[in-house]
N, C-alpha and C. Protein backbone atom coordinates (compact mmCIF):
# COMPACT_ATOMS: atom_id res chain seq x y z
N UNK A 1 -53.54 -254.03 58.74
CA UNK A 1 -52.56 -253.05 58.53
C UNK A 1 -51.50 -252.94 59.98
N UNK A 2 -50.27 -252.76 59.59
CA UNK A 2 -49.31 -252.59 60.86
C UNK A 2 -48.87 -251.17 60.83
N UNK A 3 -48.38 -250.85 61.91
CA UNK A 3 -47.80 -249.51 62.32
C UNK A 3 -46.23 -249.69 62.05
N UNK A 4 -45.78 -248.38 61.79
CA UNK A 4 -44.37 -248.23 61.33
C UNK A 4 -43.91 -246.91 61.89
N UNK A 5 -43.08 -246.69 62.18
CA UNK A 5 -42.06 -245.30 62.36
C UNK A 5 -41.07 -245.12 61.24
N UNK A 6 -40.93 -243.80 61.08
CA UNK A 6 -39.86 -243.60 60.13
C UNK A 6 -39.25 -242.14 60.49
N UNK A 7 -38.38 -241.94 60.79
CA UNK A 7 -37.48 -240.53 60.84
C UNK A 7 -36.74 -240.06 59.71
N UNK A 8 -36.99 -238.96 58.99
CA UNK A 8 -36.17 -238.50 57.91
C UNK A 8 -35.76 -237.28 58.29
N UNK A 9 -34.81 -236.64 57.48
CA UNK A 9 -34.18 -235.36 57.65
C UNK A 9 -34.35 -234.68 55.97
N UNK A 10 -35.13 -233.68 56.16
CA UNK A 10 -35.45 -232.83 54.71
C UNK A 10 -34.92 -231.22 55.18
N UNK A 11 -34.72 -230.79 53.86
CA UNK A 11 -34.28 -229.35 53.78
C UNK A 11 -35.46 -228.39 54.21
N UNK A 12 -35.06 -227.65 55.25
CA UNK A 12 -36.34 -226.95 55.87
C UNK A 12 -37.00 -225.56 54.81
N UNK A 13 -37.61 -226.38 54.07
CA UNK A 13 -38.22 -225.32 52.84
C UNK A 13 -39.78 -225.78 52.68
N UNK A 14 -40.38 -224.80 52.28
CA UNK A 14 -41.98 -224.99 52.03
C UNK A 14 -42.01 -226.50 51.04
N UNK A 15 -43.04 -227.18 51.23
CA UNK A 15 -43.33 -228.33 50.39
C UNK A 15 -42.78 -229.50 50.66
N UNK A 16 -41.54 -229.54 51.41
CA UNK A 16 -41.07 -230.75 51.63
C UNK A 16 -41.57 -231.94 52.68
N UNK A 17 -42.40 -231.43 53.62
CA UNK A 17 -43.31 -232.64 54.16
C UNK A 17 -44.23 -233.31 53.08
N UNK A 18 -44.97 -232.57 52.46
CA UNK A 18 -45.87 -232.88 51.52
C UNK A 18 -45.05 -234.04 50.46
N UNK A 19 -43.91 -233.53 49.99
CA UNK A 19 -43.05 -234.24 49.04
C UNK A 19 -43.09 -235.72 49.83
N UNK A 20 -42.41 -235.80 51.03
CA UNK A 20 -42.43 -236.99 51.77
C UNK A 20 -43.67 -237.94 51.84
N UNK A 21 -44.63 -237.27 52.18
CA UNK A 21 -45.84 -238.23 52.39
C UNK A 21 -46.83 -238.35 51.15
N UNK A 22 -46.60 -237.75 50.01
CA UNK A 22 -47.30 -238.32 48.89
C UNK A 22 -47.02 -239.54 48.32
N UNK A 23 -46.02 -240.21 48.72
CA UNK A 23 -45.62 -241.89 48.28
C UNK A 23 -46.44 -242.40 49.22
N UNK A 24 -46.80 -242.17 50.61
CA UNK A 24 -47.58 -243.08 51.37
C UNK A 24 -48.99 -243.02 50.89
N UNK A 25 -49.29 -242.00 50.36
CA UNK A 25 -50.56 -242.00 49.79
C UNK A 25 -50.95 -242.86 48.47
N UNK A 26 -49.90 -243.01 47.77
CA UNK A 26 -49.68 -243.48 46.62
C UNK A 26 -49.75 -245.19 46.74
N UNK A 27 -49.37 -245.40 48.28
CA UNK A 27 -49.35 -247.11 48.30
C UNK A 27 -50.43 -247.48 49.03
N UNK A 28 -51.40 -246.47 49.44
CA UNK A 28 -52.19 -246.79 50.50
C UNK A 28 -52.35 -246.92 51.84
N UNK A 29 -51.22 -246.13 52.43
CA UNK A 29 -50.87 -245.89 53.84
C UNK A 29 -51.62 -244.67 54.37
N UNK A 30 -51.54 -244.87 55.60
CA UNK A 30 -52.17 -243.96 56.28
C UNK A 30 -51.31 -243.10 57.43
N UNK A 31 -51.43 -241.79 57.61
CA UNK A 31 -50.39 -240.82 58.79
C UNK A 31 -51.17 -241.16 59.72
N UNK A 32 -50.41 -241.71 60.74
CA UNK A 32 -51.08 -241.60 62.33
C UNK A 32 -50.54 -240.38 63.31
N UNK A 33 -49.45 -240.00 63.05
CA UNK A 33 -48.97 -238.99 63.76
C UNK A 33 -47.81 -238.47 62.97
N UNK A 34 -47.26 -237.14 63.32
CA UNK A 34 -46.30 -236.59 62.55
C UNK A 34 -45.67 -235.45 63.47
N UNK A 35 -44.38 -235.83 63.77
CA UNK A 35 -43.65 -234.63 64.61
C UNK A 35 -42.47 -233.94 63.96
N UNK A 36 -42.26 -232.94 64.18
CA UNK A 36 -40.94 -232.49 63.40
C UNK A 36 -40.17 -231.34 64.36
N UNK A 37 -38.90 -231.31 64.05
CA UNK A 37 -38.04 -230.28 64.60
C UNK A 37 -37.54 -229.75 63.74
N UNK A 38 -37.28 -228.24 63.65
CA UNK A 38 -36.46 -227.29 62.79
C UNK A 38 -35.35 -226.82 63.21
N UNK A 39 -33.92 -227.18 62.62
CA UNK A 39 -32.97 -226.53 63.06
C UNK A 39 -31.90 -226.40 61.91
N UNK A 40 -31.24 -225.44 61.77
CA UNK A 40 -30.09 -225.18 61.10
C UNK A 40 -30.56 -225.31 59.67
N UNK A 41 -31.44 -224.88 59.08
CA UNK A 41 -31.97 -225.17 57.78
C UNK A 41 -32.29 -226.62 57.16
N UNK A 42 -32.71 -227.67 58.44
CA UNK A 42 -33.00 -228.83 58.23
C UNK A 42 -34.22 -228.97 59.10
N UNK A 43 -35.08 -230.04 58.71
CA UNK A 43 -36.33 -230.44 59.56
C UNK A 43 -36.25 -231.90 59.75
N UNK A 44 -36.09 -232.35 60.95
CA UNK A 44 -36.37 -233.53 60.96
C UNK A 44 -37.59 -234.06 61.49
N UNK A 45 -38.37 -235.05 60.92
CA UNK A 45 -39.50 -235.34 60.78
C UNK A 45 -39.72 -236.73 61.12
N UNK A 46 -40.70 -236.92 62.14
CA UNK A 46 -40.86 -238.38 62.84
C UNK A 46 -42.18 -238.72 62.24
N UNK A 47 -42.25 -239.67 61.53
CA UNK A 47 -43.82 -240.10 60.98
C UNK A 47 -44.15 -241.46 61.65
N UNK A 48 -45.33 -241.63 61.91
CA UNK A 48 -45.90 -242.88 62.34
C UNK A 48 -47.01 -243.12 61.44
N UNK A 49 -47.15 -244.26 60.69
CA UNK A 49 -47.63 -244.49 59.58
C UNK A 49 -48.37 -246.01 59.61
N UNK A 50 -49.43 -246.14 59.19
CA UNK A 50 -50.01 -247.57 59.10
C UNK A 50 -50.03 -247.75 57.63
N UNK A 51 -49.69 -249.39 57.31
CA UNK A 51 -49.61 -249.93 56.04
C UNK A 51 -49.57 -251.20 55.94
N UNK A 52 -49.68 -251.69 54.95
CA UNK A 52 -49.58 -253.31 54.86
C UNK A 52 -48.18 -253.44 54.73
N UNK A 53 -47.25 -254.37 55.17
CA UNK A 53 -45.91 -254.53 55.02
C UNK A 53 -45.22 -254.28 53.51
N UNK A 54 -45.97 -254.83 52.56
CA UNK A 54 -45.42 -254.51 51.19
C UNK A 54 -45.49 -252.99 50.84
N UNK A 55 -46.79 -252.65 51.21
CA UNK A 55 -46.77 -251.09 50.96
C UNK A 55 -45.91 -250.13 51.50
N UNK A 56 -45.54 -250.56 52.91
CA UNK A 56 -44.54 -249.93 53.67
C UNK A 56 -43.26 -249.92 53.03
N UNK A 57 -42.85 -251.14 52.65
CA UNK A 57 -41.64 -251.50 51.77
C UNK A 57 -41.61 -250.24 50.80
N UNK A 58 -42.60 -250.41 49.72
CA UNK A 58 -42.54 -249.48 48.71
C UNK A 58 -42.49 -248.13 48.99
N UNK A 59 -43.08 -247.48 50.05
CA UNK A 59 -43.18 -246.31 50.47
C UNK A 59 -41.70 -245.89 50.97
N UNK A 60 -41.11 -246.78 51.87
CA UNK A 60 -39.78 -246.38 52.34
C UNK A 60 -38.87 -246.21 50.95
N UNK A 61 -38.95 -247.01 50.02
CA UNK A 61 -38.29 -247.19 48.78
C UNK A 61 -38.19 -245.68 48.08
N UNK A 62 -39.60 -245.21 47.66
CA UNK A 62 -39.63 -244.03 47.37
C UNK A 62 -39.23 -242.84 48.07
N UNK A 63 -39.41 -242.81 49.29
CA UNK A 63 -38.80 -241.81 50.10
C UNK A 63 -37.25 -241.75 49.98
N UNK A 64 -36.56 -242.96 50.11
CA UNK A 64 -35.01 -242.96 49.74
C UNK A 64 -34.61 -242.56 48.57
N UNK A 65 -35.59 -242.68 47.45
CA UNK A 65 -35.32 -242.12 46.15
C UNK A 65 -35.33 -240.47 45.96
N UNK A 66 -35.81 -239.74 46.88
CA UNK A 66 -36.19 -238.32 46.99
C UNK A 66 -35.22 -237.55 47.25
N UNK A 67 -34.78 -236.85 46.27
CA UNK A 67 -33.28 -235.84 46.43
C UNK A 67 -33.63 -235.12 47.75
N UNK A 68 -32.63 -235.14 48.33
CA UNK A 68 -32.60 -234.15 49.70
C UNK A 68 -33.21 -234.77 50.67
N UNK A 69 -33.60 -236.02 50.74
CA UNK A 69 -34.47 -236.58 51.91
C UNK A 69 -33.49 -237.82 52.33
N UNK A 70 -33.17 -237.84 53.77
CA UNK A 70 -32.33 -238.82 54.12
C UNK A 70 -33.24 -239.57 55.40
N UNK A 71 -33.41 -240.82 55.40
CA UNK A 71 -34.00 -241.91 56.11
C UNK A 71 -33.19 -241.98 57.29
N UNK A 72 -33.35 -241.55 58.41
CA UNK A 72 -32.64 -241.80 59.45
C UNK A 72 -32.87 -242.84 60.28
N UNK A 73 -34.21 -243.35 60.38
CA UNK A 73 -34.49 -244.63 61.22
C UNK A 73 -35.80 -244.94 60.86
N UNK A 74 -36.04 -246.35 61.01
CA UNK A 74 -37.07 -246.86 60.52
C UNK A 74 -37.47 -248.20 61.69
N UNK A 75 -38.69 -248.29 61.89
CA UNK A 75 -38.83 -249.37 63.07
C UNK A 75 -40.18 -249.61 62.50
N UNK A 76 -40.70 -250.74 63.40
CA UNK A 76 -41.82 -251.39 63.17
C UNK A 76 -43.04 -251.05 64.54
N UNK A 77 -43.74 -251.24 64.77
CA UNK A 77 -44.93 -250.85 65.61
C UNK A 77 -44.34 -250.41 66.98
N UNK A 78 -44.48 -249.24 67.58
CA UNK A 78 -44.12 -248.83 68.78
C UNK A 78 -44.80 -249.77 69.83
N UNK A 79 -44.16 -249.86 70.90
CA UNK A 79 -44.64 -251.04 71.67
C UNK A 79 -45.59 -250.56 73.03
N UNK A 80 -45.41 -249.37 73.42
CA UNK A 80 -46.03 -248.98 74.24
C UNK A 80 -46.71 -247.58 73.97
N UNK A 81 -47.98 -247.29 74.79
CA UNK A 81 -48.43 -245.87 74.63
C UNK A 81 -49.55 -245.78 75.52
N UNK A 82 -49.39 -244.41 75.95
CA UNK A 82 -50.49 -244.03 77.11
C UNK A 82 -51.07 -242.68 76.62
N UNK A 83 -52.22 -242.01 77.23
CA UNK A 83 -52.70 -241.12 77.19
C UNK A 83 -52.44 -240.21 78.51
N UNK A 84 -52.27 -238.71 78.37
CA UNK A 84 -51.97 -238.01 79.79
C UNK A 84 -53.10 -236.73 79.44
N UNK A 85 -53.75 -236.15 80.14
CA UNK A 85 -54.56 -234.94 79.90
C UNK A 85 -54.19 -234.04 81.09
N UNK A 86 -53.96 -232.86 80.63
CA UNK A 86 -53.45 -231.79 81.11
C UNK A 86 -54.69 -230.68 81.10
N UNK A 87 -54.88 -229.86 82.24
CA UNK A 87 -56.00 -229.15 82.32
C UNK A 87 -55.40 -227.68 83.18
N UNK A 88 -55.59 -226.81 82.28
CA UNK A 88 -55.20 -225.35 82.93
C UNK A 88 -54.88 -224.44 81.81
N UNK A 89 -54.04 -223.31 81.93
CA UNK A 89 -53.71 -222.41 80.87
C UNK A 89 -52.59 -223.10 79.99
N UNK A 90 -52.91 -224.39 79.30
CA UNK A 90 -52.08 -224.86 78.52
C UNK A 90 -51.22 -224.12 77.56
N UNK A 91 -51.80 -223.33 76.53
CA UNK A 91 -51.10 -222.38 75.80
C UNK A 91 -50.35 -221.37 76.20
N UNK A 92 -50.87 -220.91 77.63
CA UNK A 92 -50.36 -219.50 78.08
C UNK A 92 -49.02 -220.26 78.75
N UNK A 93 -48.73 -221.30 79.06
CA UNK A 93 -47.61 -221.71 79.90
C UNK A 93 -46.60 -222.79 79.01
N UNK A 94 -46.86 -222.45 77.53
CA UNK A 94 -46.03 -222.85 76.50
C UNK A 94 -46.31 -224.31 76.29
N UNK A 95 -47.15 -224.59 75.51
CA UNK A 95 -47.17 -225.70 75.38
C UNK A 95 -46.20 -226.69 74.36
N UNK A 96 -45.19 -225.74 73.72
CA UNK A 96 -44.21 -226.37 73.00
C UNK A 96 -43.03 -226.72 74.11
N UNK A 97 -42.87 -226.23 75.29
CA UNK A 97 -42.12 -226.55 76.19
C UNK A 97 -42.53 -227.77 76.94
N UNK A 98 -43.88 -227.88 77.13
CA UNK A 98 -44.38 -229.32 77.89
C UNK A 98 -43.85 -230.39 76.94
N UNK A 99 -44.38 -230.20 75.66
CA UNK A 99 -44.09 -231.27 74.74
C UNK A 99 -42.57 -231.65 74.55
N UNK A 100 -41.73 -230.47 74.54
CA UNK A 100 -40.50 -230.97 74.19
C UNK A 100 -39.73 -231.68 75.66
N UNK A 101 -40.46 -231.15 76.80
CA UNK A 101 -39.69 -231.80 78.02
C UNK A 101 -40.42 -233.29 78.21
N UNK A 102 -41.37 -233.63 77.84
CA UNK A 102 -41.97 -235.10 77.50
C UNK A 102 -41.03 -235.72 76.75
N UNK A 103 -40.77 -234.95 75.54
CA UNK A 103 -39.91 -235.76 74.69
C UNK A 103 -38.40 -235.75 75.05
N UNK A 104 -38.11 -235.10 76.08
CA UNK A 104 -36.65 -235.42 76.65
C UNK A 104 -36.43 -236.52 77.54
N UNK A 105 -37.85 -237.11 77.69
CA UNK A 105 -37.61 -238.55 78.38
C UNK A 105 -37.00 -239.48 77.67
N UNK A 106 -35.79 -240.23 77.85
CA UNK A 106 -35.41 -241.01 77.06
C UNK A 106 -36.13 -242.12 76.92
N UNK A 107 -36.45 -242.63 75.33
CA UNK A 107 -37.15 -243.43 74.79
C UNK A 107 -38.68 -243.10 74.75
N UNK A 108 -39.03 -242.01 75.05
CA UNK A 108 -40.28 -241.17 74.73
C UNK A 108 -40.47 -240.41 73.88
N UNK A 109 -41.96 -240.22 73.71
CA UNK A 109 -42.15 -238.94 72.82
C UNK A 109 -43.70 -238.58 72.80
N UNK A 110 -44.06 -237.44 72.33
CA UNK A 110 -45.36 -236.98 72.20
C UNK A 110 -45.75 -237.34 70.84
N UNK A 111 -46.76 -238.27 70.79
CA UNK A 111 -47.02 -238.81 69.21
C UNK A 111 -48.37 -238.03 68.70
N UNK A 112 -49.04 -237.38 69.72
CA UNK A 112 -50.26 -236.75 69.27
C UNK A 112 -50.76 -235.98 70.06
N UNK A 113 -51.21 -234.67 69.87
CA UNK A 113 -51.85 -233.94 70.87
C UNK A 113 -53.31 -233.34 70.56
N UNK A 114 -54.01 -233.19 71.43
CA UNK A 114 -55.67 -232.90 71.18
C UNK A 114 -55.70 -231.97 72.10
N UNK A 115 -56.02 -230.55 71.47
CA UNK A 115 -56.07 -229.26 72.44
C UNK A 115 -57.51 -228.83 72.48
N UNK A 116 -58.22 -228.46 73.34
CA UNK A 116 -59.40 -227.99 73.71
C UNK A 116 -59.34 -226.82 74.25
N UNK A 117 -59.78 -225.66 73.46
CA UNK A 117 -59.48 -224.25 74.14
C UNK A 117 -60.95 -223.60 73.77
N UNK A 118 -61.82 -223.50 74.44
CA UNK A 118 -63.01 -222.95 74.43
C UNK A 118 -63.17 -221.36 74.32
N UNK A 119 -62.13 -220.92 75.09
CA UNK A 119 -62.15 -219.42 75.16
C UNK A 119 -60.62 -219.13 75.53
N UNK A 120 -59.92 -218.07 74.77
CA UNK A 120 -58.49 -217.73 75.15
C UNK A 120 -58.07 -217.32 76.71
N UNK A 121 -59.29 -216.99 77.27
CA UNK A 121 -59.22 -216.35 78.47
C UNK A 121 -59.38 -217.33 79.64
N UNK A 122 -59.70 -218.54 79.40
CA UNK A 122 -60.21 -219.55 80.33
C UNK A 122 -59.32 -220.74 80.16
N UNK A 123 -59.32 -221.58 81.06
CA UNK A 123 -58.74 -222.77 81.18
C UNK A 123 -58.87 -223.64 79.90
N UNK A 124 -58.04 -224.41 79.28
CA UNK A 124 -57.94 -225.27 78.24
C UNK A 124 -57.60 -226.74 78.77
N UNK A 125 -57.88 -227.61 77.63
CA UNK A 125 -57.24 -228.80 78.09
C UNK A 125 -56.79 -229.56 77.09
N UNK A 126 -55.67 -230.55 77.31
CA UNK A 126 -54.86 -231.12 76.30
C UNK A 126 -54.72 -232.32 76.65
N UNK A 127 -54.95 -233.23 75.61
CA UNK A 127 -54.72 -234.50 75.78
C UNK A 127 -53.34 -235.08 74.92
N UNK A 128 -52.42 -235.63 75.57
CA UNK A 128 -51.12 -236.16 74.68
C UNK A 128 -51.45 -237.45 74.80
N UNK A 129 -51.12 -237.99 73.49
CA UNK A 129 -50.72 -239.52 73.63
C UNK A 129 -49.23 -239.60 73.42
N UNK A 130 -48.69 -240.27 74.33
CA UNK A 130 -46.92 -240.66 74.58
C UNK A 130 -46.91 -241.88 74.16
N UNK A 131 -46.02 -242.08 73.51
CA UNK A 131 -45.23 -243.39 72.98
C UNK A 131 -44.01 -243.57 73.92
N UNK A 132 -43.82 -244.62 74.32
CA UNK A 132 -42.52 -245.06 74.81
C UNK A 132 -42.02 -246.50 74.61
N UNK A 133 -40.65 -246.64 74.42
CA UNK A 133 -40.21 -247.61 73.97
C UNK A 133 -40.09 -248.87 74.98
N UNK A 134 -39.68 -248.76 76.46
CA UNK A 134 -39.70 -249.43 77.27
C UNK A 134 -40.81 -249.30 78.22
N UNK A 135 -41.18 -250.34 79.18
CA UNK A 135 -42.09 -250.37 80.03
C UNK A 135 -41.61 -249.32 81.36
N UNK A 136 -40.36 -249.50 81.64
CA UNK A 136 -39.47 -248.52 82.62
C UNK A 136 -39.77 -247.32 82.32
N UNK A 137 -39.79 -246.59 81.22
CA UNK A 137 -40.09 -245.34 80.65
C UNK A 137 -41.27 -244.53 81.30
N UNK A 138 -42.24 -245.62 81.41
CA UNK A 138 -43.56 -245.10 81.79
C UNK A 138 -43.56 -244.25 83.00
N UNK A 139 -42.65 -244.73 84.13
CA UNK A 139 -42.44 -243.93 85.50
C UNK A 139 -41.77 -242.77 85.10
N UNK A 140 -40.71 -242.67 84.41
CA UNK A 140 -40.09 -241.31 83.85
C UNK A 140 -41.24 -240.31 83.29
N UNK A 141 -41.94 -240.82 82.37
CA UNK A 141 -43.11 -239.91 81.69
C UNK A 141 -43.92 -239.25 82.83
N UNK A 142 -44.37 -240.01 83.57
CA UNK A 142 -45.31 -239.63 84.64
C UNK A 142 -44.72 -238.80 85.48
N UNK A 143 -43.64 -239.05 86.04
CA UNK A 143 -42.59 -238.08 87.00
C UNK A 143 -42.49 -236.76 86.33
N UNK A 144 -41.94 -236.80 84.88
CA UNK A 144 -42.00 -235.58 84.04
C UNK A 144 -43.41 -234.88 84.11
N UNK A 145 -44.44 -235.65 83.64
CA UNK A 145 -45.51 -234.77 83.74
C UNK A 145 -46.07 -234.17 84.87
N UNK A 146 -45.71 -234.59 85.97
CA UNK A 146 -46.62 -234.50 87.15
C UNK A 146 -45.41 -233.08 87.64
N UNK A 147 -44.10 -233.19 87.34
CA UNK A 147 -43.39 -231.90 87.45
C UNK A 147 -43.91 -231.10 86.57
N UNK A 148 -43.94 -230.90 85.53
CA UNK A 148 -44.42 -229.83 84.52
C UNK A 148 -45.71 -229.24 85.21
N UNK A 149 -46.71 -230.12 85.52
CA UNK A 149 -48.08 -229.83 85.84
C UNK A 149 -47.83 -229.16 87.22
N UNK A 150 -46.99 -229.29 87.99
CA UNK A 150 -46.80 -228.78 89.40
C UNK A 150 -46.14 -227.28 89.24
N UNK A 151 -45.18 -227.15 88.23
CA UNK A 151 -44.52 -226.09 88.10
C UNK A 151 -45.43 -224.84 87.15
N UNK A 152 -46.21 -225.46 86.31
CA UNK A 152 -47.22 -224.55 85.38
C UNK A 152 -48.54 -224.64 86.05
N UNK A 153 -48.90 -225.26 87.20
CA UNK A 153 -50.25 -224.87 87.80
C UNK A 153 -51.20 -225.50 87.05
N UNK A 154 -51.10 -226.87 86.59
CA UNK A 154 -51.93 -227.55 85.57
C UNK A 154 -52.37 -228.99 86.57
N UNK A 155 -53.56 -229.08 86.20
CA UNK A 155 -54.19 -230.55 86.76
C UNK A 155 -53.70 -231.78 85.64
N UNK A 156 -53.61 -232.81 86.20
CA UNK A 156 -52.94 -234.11 85.56
C UNK A 156 -54.33 -234.95 85.67
N UNK A 157 -54.59 -235.73 84.47
CA UNK A 157 -55.50 -236.93 84.67
C UNK A 157 -54.91 -237.93 83.96
N UNK A 158 -54.51 -239.09 84.57
CA UNK A 158 -53.61 -240.34 84.13
C UNK A 158 -54.84 -241.31 84.06
N UNK A 159 -54.69 -242.27 83.00
CA UNK A 159 -55.45 -243.67 83.01
C UNK A 159 -54.99 -244.30 84.48
N UNK A 160 -56.30 -244.90 84.74
CA UNK A 160 -56.20 -245.70 85.82
C UNK A 160 -55.11 -246.79 86.04
N UNK A 161 -54.88 -247.45 84.90
CA UNK A 161 -53.86 -248.43 84.83
C UNK A 161 -52.50 -248.10 85.04
N UNK A 162 -52.40 -246.68 84.37
CA UNK A 162 -50.80 -246.16 84.84
C UNK A 162 -50.85 -245.69 86.21
N UNK A 163 -51.91 -245.32 86.86
CA UNK A 163 -51.73 -244.94 88.13
C UNK A 163 -51.51 -246.18 89.01
N UNK A 164 -52.00 -247.11 88.70
CA UNK A 164 -51.80 -248.64 89.28
C UNK A 164 -50.35 -248.83 89.26
N UNK A 165 -49.97 -248.87 87.83
CA UNK A 165 -48.58 -249.50 87.36
C UNK A 165 -47.52 -248.77 88.11
N UNK A 166 -47.79 -247.34 88.38
CA UNK A 166 -46.82 -246.39 88.68
C UNK A 166 -46.78 -246.34 90.23
N UNK A 167 -47.82 -247.11 90.90
CA UNK A 167 -47.72 -247.07 92.32
C UNK A 167 -48.44 -245.42 92.88
N UNK A 168 -49.14 -244.95 92.14
CA UNK A 168 -49.74 -243.58 92.83
C UNK A 168 -50.96 -243.55 93.29
């Protein structure tokens, strides 16, 4: 299977996401990650999925045939990804803001979040999988994550290869 990315615009109404994803299930594909942004009665949905190439083509064709759905972009496998862990009061310091700020790095975006929150009053941890289009964007991602961590009093854990690559 190969990994693909697709961004679509759908009306911001209940049931639209299921309507877009149903054809992926029908062709035997698998969702890897979904992010969305709701604005002005529309939702932009970024989908990363895995499928055989022919199945991916059938999926995209079916999505393009859906009324009210616009395919904004389509691409092959993302080139780079890394994991970042933040520890502290993740939710209390606005996890959405953290994600939005990482997503504001040109060519980068949060593809997945794994939140561990054992007790609402205690510190939590969040693992972020960040995808980026060019190797140079990694330094900008690390800088942004470190700024967020300092501002929000969070601890950062980066993979050793990222630390070495960014000269940390």
